[in-house]
Amino acid sequence: MLHREDGPAIERANGIKMWYINGVEITEQEHNKRYKSKTIFTVTMIRNNNSNNRIVGWFENYDKAEYVVLHNVNDIQEHHYIFCVIEEMQGNTSYPGVPETEQWFKWYKNEKRFRPINKPEAYNRVVNFGIG
C-alpha cells in the first residue's frame, strides 16, 4: 500500500510526483494541508519562580504575538506575571526541540507595560515553555 506523510509517495525520473495516503491518491495541495509543518509562535506568561506558567496564545507570525505582549492585550499580565516569552516552534511535532526564535519580555510595573529583555539567567537551560 502506498503511503507517505513527509512527501510524495512516488517520484519519477521525469519529475512527476504522486501523493498517497493509505493507498489513496491525493493532490499535492491536499497533502500539504494535512501534513506540512507550520510555524507557530507561542506566548507564555511566567512568574518569577517558574511555577504556574500560563500559555496565553499561539500565533501564525511573530508580529501578532509581539503585539499581544507589548500592548498587554486582554490583560495577559494579570497583575502577577513578571516575564513573558515568545517562542517560535514547528507544528506537527510532539517535542519541538530548541526554538528558532525566543524573545523575552519583562513587566515594568511603573510603566505598566512589557519591554524586551535578554533571557533571564535562571532560565538559560530551559526551553519550550509554550509546549513543554
N, C-alpha and C. Protein backbone atom coordinates (compact mmCIF):
# COMPACT_ATOMS: atom_id res chain seq x y z
N MET A 1 0.85 -1.17 0.00
CA MET A 1 0.00 0.00 0.00
C MET A 1 0.89 1.24 0.00
N LEU A 2 0.63 2.15 -0.91
CA LEU A 2 1.40 3.38 -0.98
C LEU A 2 0.96 4.34 0.11
N HIS A 3 1.95 4.89 0.82
CA HIS A 3 1.66 5.83 1.91
C HIS A 3 2.94 6.57 2.25
N ARG A 4 2.84 7.90 2.28
CA ARG A 4 3.98 8.71 2.73
C ARG A 4 3.47 10.05 3.23
N GLU A 5 3.89 10.42 4.45
CA GLU A 5 3.42 11.66 5.05
C GLU A 5 4.39 12.82 4.86
N ASP A 6 5.65 12.54 4.59
CA ASP A 6 6.64 13.62 4.52
C ASP A 6 7.02 14.00 3.09
N GLY A 7 6.22 13.63 2.12
CA GLY A 7 6.49 13.99 0.73
C GLY A 7 5.73 13.08 -0.21
N PRO A 8 6.04 13.16 -1.51
CA PRO A 8 5.34 12.31 -2.47
C PRO A 8 5.72 10.84 -2.28
N ALA A 9 4.74 9.96 -2.46
CA ALA A 9 4.99 8.52 -2.34
C ALA A 9 5.73 8.00 -3.56
N ILE A 10 5.54 8.66 -4.71
CA ILE A 10 6.21 8.28 -5.95
C ILE A 10 6.88 9.52 -6.53
N GLU A 11 8.15 9.38 -6.88
CA GLU A 11 8.88 10.45 -7.55
C GLU A 11 9.55 9.84 -8.77
N ARG A 12 9.05 10.15 -9.95
CA ARG A 12 9.57 9.57 -11.18
C ARG A 12 10.74 10.39 -11.72
N ALA A 13 11.54 9.75 -12.54
CA ALA A 13 12.73 10.38 -13.12
C ALA A 13 12.36 11.60 -13.97
N ASN A 14 11.16 11.59 -14.56
CA ASN A 14 10.74 12.71 -15.42
C ASN A 14 10.18 13.88 -14.60
N GLY A 15 10.23 13.78 -13.26
CA GLY A 15 9.78 14.87 -12.40
C GLY A 15 8.36 14.75 -11.90
N ILE A 16 7.62 13.78 -12.39
CA ILE A 16 6.24 13.60 -11.93
C ILE A 16 6.25 13.06 -10.51
N LYS A 17 5.41 13.66 -9.67
CA LYS A 17 5.29 13.24 -8.27
C LYS A 17 3.84 12.90 -7.98
N MET A 18 3.66 11.87 -7.15
CA MET A 18 2.31 11.43 -6.79
C MET A 18 2.24 11.23 -5.27
N TRP A 19 1.18 11.71 -4.69
CA TRP A 19 1.00 11.65 -3.24
C TRP A 19 -0.09 10.63 -2.90
N TYR A 20 0.21 9.76 -1.93
CA TYR A 20 -0.72 8.73 -1.50
C TYR A 20 -0.76 8.68 0.02
N ILE A 21 -1.94 8.51 0.55
CA ILE A 21 -2.13 8.28 1.98
C ILE A 21 -3.01 7.04 2.11
N ASN A 22 -2.52 6.03 2.81
CA ASN A 22 -3.26 4.77 2.99
C ASN A 22 -3.77 4.21 1.67
N GLY A 23 -2.92 4.29 0.64
CA GLY A 23 -3.27 3.72 -0.66
C GLY A 23 -4.17 4.59 -1.52
N VAL A 24 -4.57 5.73 -1.04
CA VAL A 24 -5.46 6.61 -1.79
C VAL A 24 -4.66 7.79 -2.33
N GLU A 25 -4.77 8.02 -3.64
CA GLU A 25 -4.05 9.14 -4.23
C GLU A 25 -4.73 10.45 -3.84
N ILE A 26 -3.89 11.42 -3.46
CA ILE A 26 -4.40 12.76 -3.13
C ILE A 26 -3.55 13.78 -3.88
N THR A 27 -4.02 15.02 -3.94
CA THR A 27 -3.25 16.06 -4.62
C THR A 27 -2.15 16.57 -3.69
N GLU A 28 -1.19 17.25 -4.30
CA GLU A 28 -0.12 17.85 -3.50
C GLU A 28 -0.70 18.87 -2.52
N GLN A 29 -1.69 19.62 -2.96
CA GLN A 29 -2.32 20.61 -2.09
C GLN A 29 -3.00 19.95 -0.89
N GLU A 30 -3.70 18.84 -1.13
CA GLU A 30 -4.33 18.10 -0.02
C GLU A 30 -3.26 17.59 0.95
N HIS A 31 -2.16 17.09 0.40
CA HIS A 31 -1.08 16.58 1.23
C HIS A 31 -0.49 17.68 2.11
N ASN A 32 -0.21 18.83 1.50
CA ASN A 32 0.36 19.94 2.26
C ASN A 32 -0.59 20.43 3.35
N LYS A 33 -1.87 20.44 3.03
CA LYS A 33 -2.87 20.89 4.02
C LYS A 33 -2.88 19.96 5.23
N ARG A 34 -2.72 18.67 4.99
CA ARG A 34 -2.75 17.68 6.08
C ARG A 34 -1.45 17.57 6.85
N TYR A 35 -0.31 17.65 6.14
CA TYR A 35 0.96 17.24 6.76
C TYR A 35 2.06 18.29 6.80
N LYS A 36 1.94 19.35 6.05
CA LYS A 36 3.03 20.33 6.04
C LYS A 36 3.13 21.00 7.40
N SER A 37 4.33 21.03 7.91
CA SER A 37 4.59 21.64 9.21
C SER A 37 4.41 23.14 9.13
N LYS A 38 3.72 23.70 10.10
CA LYS A 38 3.51 25.13 10.16
C LYS A 38 4.27 25.70 11.35
N THR A 39 4.76 26.88 11.16
CA THR A 39 5.44 27.56 12.25
C THR A 39 4.40 28.26 13.11
N ILE A 40 4.55 28.14 14.42
CA ILE A 40 3.70 28.87 15.35
C ILE A 40 4.58 29.62 16.34
N PHE A 41 4.04 30.67 16.89
CA PHE A 41 4.72 31.45 17.91
C PHE A 41 3.87 31.40 19.18
N THR A 42 4.42 30.81 20.22
CA THR A 42 3.69 30.69 21.47
C THR A 42 4.03 31.87 22.37
N VAL A 43 3.04 32.31 23.13
CA VAL A 43 3.23 33.38 24.12
C VAL A 43 2.92 32.78 25.48
N THR A 44 3.93 32.77 26.35
CA THR A 44 3.78 32.16 27.67
C THR A 44 4.13 33.18 28.74
N MET A 45 3.26 33.29 29.73
CA MET A 45 3.47 34.16 30.88
C MET A 45 4.19 33.35 31.96
N ILE A 46 5.17 33.97 32.63
CA ILE A 46 5.99 33.25 33.60
C ILE A 46 6.12 34.06 34.88
N ARG A 47 5.86 33.39 35.99
CA ARG A 47 6.11 34.02 37.28
C ARG A 47 7.59 33.91 37.60
N ASN A 48 8.04 34.65 38.55
CA ASN A 48 9.47 34.69 38.88
C ASN A 48 10.01 33.34 39.32
N ASN A 49 9.19 32.50 39.90
CA ASN A 49 9.68 31.21 40.40
C ASN A 49 9.42 30.06 39.43
N ASN A 50 9.02 30.37 38.19
CA ASN A 50 8.78 29.37 37.15
C ASN A 50 7.67 28.39 37.51
N SER A 51 6.77 28.79 38.38
CA SER A 51 5.62 27.94 38.67
C SER A 51 4.37 28.64 38.14
N ASN A 52 3.37 27.88 37.86
CA ASN A 52 2.11 28.42 37.36
C ASN A 52 2.26 29.25 36.09
N ASN A 53 3.10 28.76 35.16
CA ASN A 53 3.21 29.42 33.86
C ASN A 53 1.89 29.30 33.15
N ARG A 54 1.62 30.25 32.25
CA ARG A 54 0.34 30.24 31.54
C ARG A 54 0.55 30.59 30.08
N ILE A 55 0.11 29.70 29.21
CA ILE A 55 0.16 29.96 27.77
C ILE A 55 -1.06 30.82 27.45
N VAL A 56 -0.82 31.97 26.83
CA VAL A 56 -1.94 32.86 26.52
C VAL A 56 -2.26 32.91 25.03
N GLY A 57 -1.45 32.25 24.20
CA GLY A 57 -1.80 32.22 22.78
C GLY A 57 -0.76 31.56 21.90
N TRP A 58 -1.23 31.12 20.74
CA TRP A 58 -0.39 30.60 19.66
C TRP A 58 -0.72 31.43 18.44
N PHE A 59 0.29 31.89 17.74
CA PHE A 59 0.07 32.81 16.63
C PHE A 59 0.83 32.34 15.40
N GLU A 60 0.32 32.73 14.21
CA GLU A 60 0.94 32.33 12.95
C GLU A 60 2.15 33.15 12.59
N ASN A 61 2.33 34.32 13.20
CA ASN A 61 3.53 35.09 12.92
C ASN A 61 3.98 35.84 14.16
N TYR A 62 5.26 36.22 14.15
CA TYR A 62 5.86 36.86 15.31
C TYR A 62 5.22 38.21 15.61
N ASP A 63 4.91 38.97 14.57
CA ASP A 63 4.36 40.31 14.79
C ASP A 63 3.07 40.30 15.59
N LYS A 64 2.19 39.33 15.31
CA LYS A 64 0.94 39.23 16.07
C LYS A 64 1.21 38.89 17.53
N ALA A 65 2.13 37.95 17.74
CA ALA A 65 2.48 37.56 19.11
C ALA A 65 3.08 38.75 19.87
N GLU A 66 4.00 39.44 19.23
CA GLU A 66 4.64 40.58 19.88
C GLU A 66 3.64 41.69 20.20
N TYR A 67 2.70 41.92 19.31
CA TYR A 67 1.67 42.95 19.54
C TYR A 67 0.89 42.65 20.81
N VAL A 68 0.50 41.38 20.97
CA VAL A 68 -0.26 40.97 22.16
C VAL A 68 0.54 41.27 23.43
N VAL A 69 1.83 40.98 23.39
CA VAL A 69 2.68 41.21 24.56
C VAL A 69 2.88 42.70 24.82
N LEU A 70 3.31 43.43 23.81
CA LEU A 70 3.65 44.83 24.01
C LEU A 70 2.45 45.70 24.37
N HIS A 71 1.26 45.26 23.97
CA HIS A 71 0.04 46.02 24.29
C HIS A 71 -0.78 45.38 25.41
N ASN A 72 -0.21 44.34 26.03
CA ASN A 72 -0.89 43.66 27.14
C ASN A 72 -2.35 43.37 26.79
N VAL A 73 -2.55 42.84 25.60
CA VAL A 73 -3.91 42.56 25.11
C VAL A 73 -4.63 41.62 26.07
N ASN A 74 -5.86 41.93 26.38
CA ASN A 74 -6.69 41.15 27.30
C ASN A 74 -6.05 40.99 28.68
N ASP A 75 -5.23 41.97 29.05
CA ASP A 75 -4.57 41.98 30.36
C ASP A 75 -3.85 40.66 30.62
N ILE A 76 -3.01 40.25 29.67
CA ILE A 76 -2.30 38.97 29.83
C ILE A 76 -1.38 38.97 31.04
N GLN A 77 -0.97 40.15 31.50
CA GLN A 77 -0.08 40.23 32.65
C GLN A 77 -0.81 39.86 33.94
N GLU A 78 -2.08 40.14 34.03
CA GLU A 78 -2.95 39.75 35.15
C GLU A 78 -2.41 40.14 36.52
N HIS A 79 -1.61 41.17 36.60
CA HIS A 79 -1.10 41.73 37.86
C HIS A 79 -0.19 40.79 38.64
N HIS A 80 0.30 39.72 38.03
CA HIS A 80 1.24 38.89 38.78
C HIS A 80 2.29 38.17 37.94
N TYR A 81 2.23 38.24 36.64
CA TYR A 81 3.29 37.63 35.83
C TYR A 81 4.42 38.63 35.63
N ILE A 82 5.63 38.19 35.83
CA ILE A 82 6.79 39.07 35.74
C ILE A 82 7.43 39.00 34.36
N PHE A 83 7.47 37.79 33.79
CA PHE A 83 8.11 37.61 32.50
C PHE A 83 7.11 37.07 31.47
N CYS A 84 7.49 37.25 30.22
CA CYS A 84 6.75 36.68 29.10
C CYS A 84 7.79 36.24 28.07
N VAL A 85 7.52 35.12 27.39
CA VAL A 85 8.43 34.67 26.35
C VAL A 85 7.62 34.28 25.11
N ILE A 86 8.14 34.70 23.96
CA ILE A 86 7.60 34.27 22.67
C ILE A 86 8.59 33.27 22.11
N GLU A 87 8.09 32.08 21.75
CA GLU A 87 8.95 31.04 21.18
C GLU A 87 8.41 30.63 19.82
N GLU A 88 9.32 30.50 18.85
CA GLU A 88 8.96 30.00 17.53
C GLU A 88 9.11 28.50 17.52
N MET A 89 8.07 27.80 17.08
CA MET A 89 8.10 26.34 17.06
C MET A 89 7.49 25.81 15.77
N GLN A 90 7.95 24.64 15.39
CA GLN A 90 7.37 23.97 14.24
C GLN A 90 6.18 23.15 14.70
N GLY A 91 5.08 23.26 13.98
CA GLY A 91 3.90 22.48 14.30
C GLY A 91 4.07 21.02 13.90
N ASN A 92 3.08 20.22 14.17
CA ASN A 92 3.07 18.79 13.84
C ASN A 92 4.25 18.05 14.46
N THR A 93 4.53 18.34 15.71
CA THR A 93 5.61 17.66 16.41
C THR A 93 5.21 17.43 17.86
N SER A 94 5.70 16.37 18.43
CA SER A 94 5.37 16.09 19.82
C SER A 94 6.39 16.70 20.78
N TYR A 95 7.61 16.94 20.32
CA TYR A 95 8.61 17.62 21.13
C TYR A 95 9.43 18.48 20.20
N PRO A 96 9.23 19.78 20.21
CA PRO A 96 9.79 20.64 19.18
C PRO A 96 11.28 20.93 19.24
N GLY A 97 11.97 20.61 20.33
CA GLY A 97 13.39 20.94 20.41
C GLY A 97 13.61 22.40 20.75
N VAL A 98 14.79 22.91 20.46
CA VAL A 98 15.14 24.29 20.78
C VAL A 98 14.44 25.23 19.81
N PRO A 99 13.75 26.24 20.31
CA PRO A 99 13.04 27.17 19.42
C PRO A 99 13.98 27.94 18.50
N GLU A 100 13.52 28.21 17.28
CA GLU A 100 14.29 29.03 16.34
C GLU A 100 14.42 30.45 16.88
N THR A 101 13.34 30.97 17.42
CA THR A 101 13.29 32.32 17.97
C THR A 101 12.81 32.23 19.40
N GLU A 102 13.41 33.01 20.26
CA GLU A 102 12.98 33.06 21.66
C GLU A 102 13.20 34.50 22.12
N GLN A 103 12.11 35.24 22.31
CA GLN A 103 12.23 36.63 22.75
C GLN A 103 11.57 36.78 24.11
N TRP A 104 12.32 37.33 25.04
CA TRP A 104 11.85 37.52 26.40
C TRP A 104 11.43 38.96 26.64
N PHE A 105 10.48 39.11 27.57
CA PHE A 105 9.97 40.41 27.97
C PHE A 105 9.84 40.43 29.49
N LYS A 106 9.95 41.61 30.05
CA LYS A 106 9.75 41.79 31.49
C LYS A 106 8.69 42.86 31.70
N TRP A 107 7.85 42.63 32.72
CA TRP A 107 6.82 43.60 33.06
C TRP A 107 7.43 44.69 33.94
N TYR A 108 7.25 45.93 33.52
CA TYR A 108 7.70 47.07 34.30
C TYR A 108 6.46 47.73 34.90
N LYS A 109 6.29 47.50 36.19
CA LYS A 109 5.08 47.92 36.90
C LYS A 109 4.84 49.42 36.79
N ASN A 110 5.88 50.22 36.97
CA ASN A 110 5.72 51.68 36.92
C ASN A 110 5.28 52.16 35.54
N GLU A 111 5.72 51.47 34.51
CA GLU A 111 5.37 51.84 33.14
C GLU A 111 4.09 51.15 32.67
N LYS A 112 3.68 50.13 33.41
CA LYS A 112 2.50 49.32 33.06
C LYS A 112 2.62 48.75 31.66
N ARG A 113 3.80 48.13 31.40
CA ARG A 113 3.99 47.51 30.09
C ARG A 113 5.16 46.53 30.12
N PHE A 114 5.18 45.65 29.11
CA PHE A 114 6.30 44.74 28.91
C PHE A 114 7.32 45.42 28.02
N ARG A 115 8.59 45.12 28.30
CA ARG A 115 9.69 45.59 27.46
C ARG A 115 10.60 44.40 27.17
N PRO A 116 11.19 44.34 25.96
CA PRO A 116 12.10 43.24 25.63
C PRO A 116 13.32 43.23 26.54
N ILE A 117 13.77 42.03 26.89
CA ILE A 117 14.96 41.85 27.71
C ILE A 117 15.75 40.65 27.18
N ASN A 118 16.96 40.49 27.66
CA ASN A 118 17.70 39.25 27.41
C ASN A 118 17.10 38.15 28.27
N LYS A 119 17.29 36.93 27.87
CA LYS A 119 16.77 35.80 28.63
C LYS A 119 17.35 35.82 30.05
N PRO A 120 16.49 35.76 31.07
CA PRO A 120 17.00 35.74 32.45
C PRO A 120 17.89 34.53 32.69
N GLU A 121 18.96 34.74 33.41
CA GLU A 121 19.94 33.69 33.65
C GLU A 121 19.31 32.44 34.27
N ALA A 122 18.34 32.61 35.12
CA ALA A 122 17.69 31.47 35.78
C ALA A 122 17.03 30.52 34.79
N TYR A 123 16.77 30.98 33.55
CA TYR A 123 16.07 30.16 32.56
C TYR A 123 16.99 29.74 31.41
N ASN A 124 18.28 29.96 31.53
CA ASN A 124 19.20 29.67 30.43
C ASN A 124 19.16 28.22 29.94
N ARG A 125 18.83 27.29 30.78
CA ARG A 125 18.80 25.88 30.37
C ARG A 125 17.39 25.34 30.18
N VAL A 126 16.43 26.26 30.05
CA VAL A 126 15.02 25.86 29.92
C VAL A 126 14.49 26.39 28.60
N VAL A 127 13.78 25.52 27.85
CA VAL A 127 13.15 25.91 26.60
C VAL A 127 11.75 25.28 26.53
N ASN A 128 11.01 25.67 25.52
CA ASN A 128 9.69 25.08 25.25
C ASN A 128 8.68 25.36 26.35
N PHE A 129 8.63 26.58 26.80
CA PHE A 129 7.62 26.96 27.79
C PHE A 129 6.21 26.80 27.23
N GLY A 130 6.06 27.09 25.93
CA GLY A 130 4.74 27.08 25.31
C GLY A 130 4.21 25.69 24.99
N ILE A 131 5.07 24.69 24.91
CA ILE A 131 4.60 23.35 24.57
C ILE A 131 5.05 22.33 25.59
N GLY A 132 6.14 22.57 26.24
CA GLY A 132 6.59 21.66 27.30
C GLY A 132 7.76 20.88 26.89
